[in-house]
């Protein structure tokens, strides 16, 4: 059974053709294929003459090979995407070993892989994928050594930075020569996770607002009596609850990350074996108190 899912982003072109997908890559092959229609070309052909999308050295197979006989399938309608966008998604799914096929601009996947496909589509949609002016000098970056997380960070940061870029059939990245320093800076930081990747706790039974309020009240007392045992215990225990909480509904990742981090820092300070001055405790307590004031 095949269910449908429509996905629309800014783009152009509608290319329909036979069903195909990807099997194992064949680095020794002397031909390339169109990932959409399955047309076979000589190695030096970079663009499918029928579909206008980049060719690939990964051989296509039929949609019958997507999953086992009893697996349900899903269809994503990507006609409004550019050919380059579909090519980028195709390569990302191949790197993730997600079985998939193409019926023209329609993507066929196993229903069991819906979450992984949705995540990949979200990664591609983050990037506007602007075209490059052929009259401007460009430089190329090979992306073979990047893992999937780094690929995602690269796409997000290029989009966030408004950096024009394009990809060829091999998945290599092209940018304007004038942006080289900015792109180099992005590559140098790809080991560091984006804020959006941060994971929080598994959740607690207590009401999130009640926990935040409890911490606010405990901090009010701690600022007045930094040496009082009860105040210290209340802050430390509430910090442990905050660390276990999921991201509260409607709260930004950046704000909640600050709450979690500052609560943990203050708790570590209060439980430290080293001698800690009251001024340092009051300073951290005041900073967290001010942050929570906006949330209660």
Foldseek 3Di string as FASTA:
>chain_A
DEAEDEDADAADAFWFAAKWAFDDADPPDQWWADQAHQDIGGPVDQADPRRRAGIARTHIDGPCPADDPPFYKYKYQYRNHYSQLVLQLRVLCVLVVFTWMHRGRIIMGTPVCVVVSVVSNVLSRLAPQDADDPVADKDKADDVPDHSQLVSQLSNVCRVVVFHWGATNNRIIIGGPVCVVVSVVSVVCSVDHDLVPDFAAPADPDDPLVLLVQLLVLLVVCLVPVPDPVSLVSLLVSLVNLRRHGDDPPDDSVLSVVLNVLSVVLNCQSPPPDDDDSVVNNVSSVVNSVSSVVVD
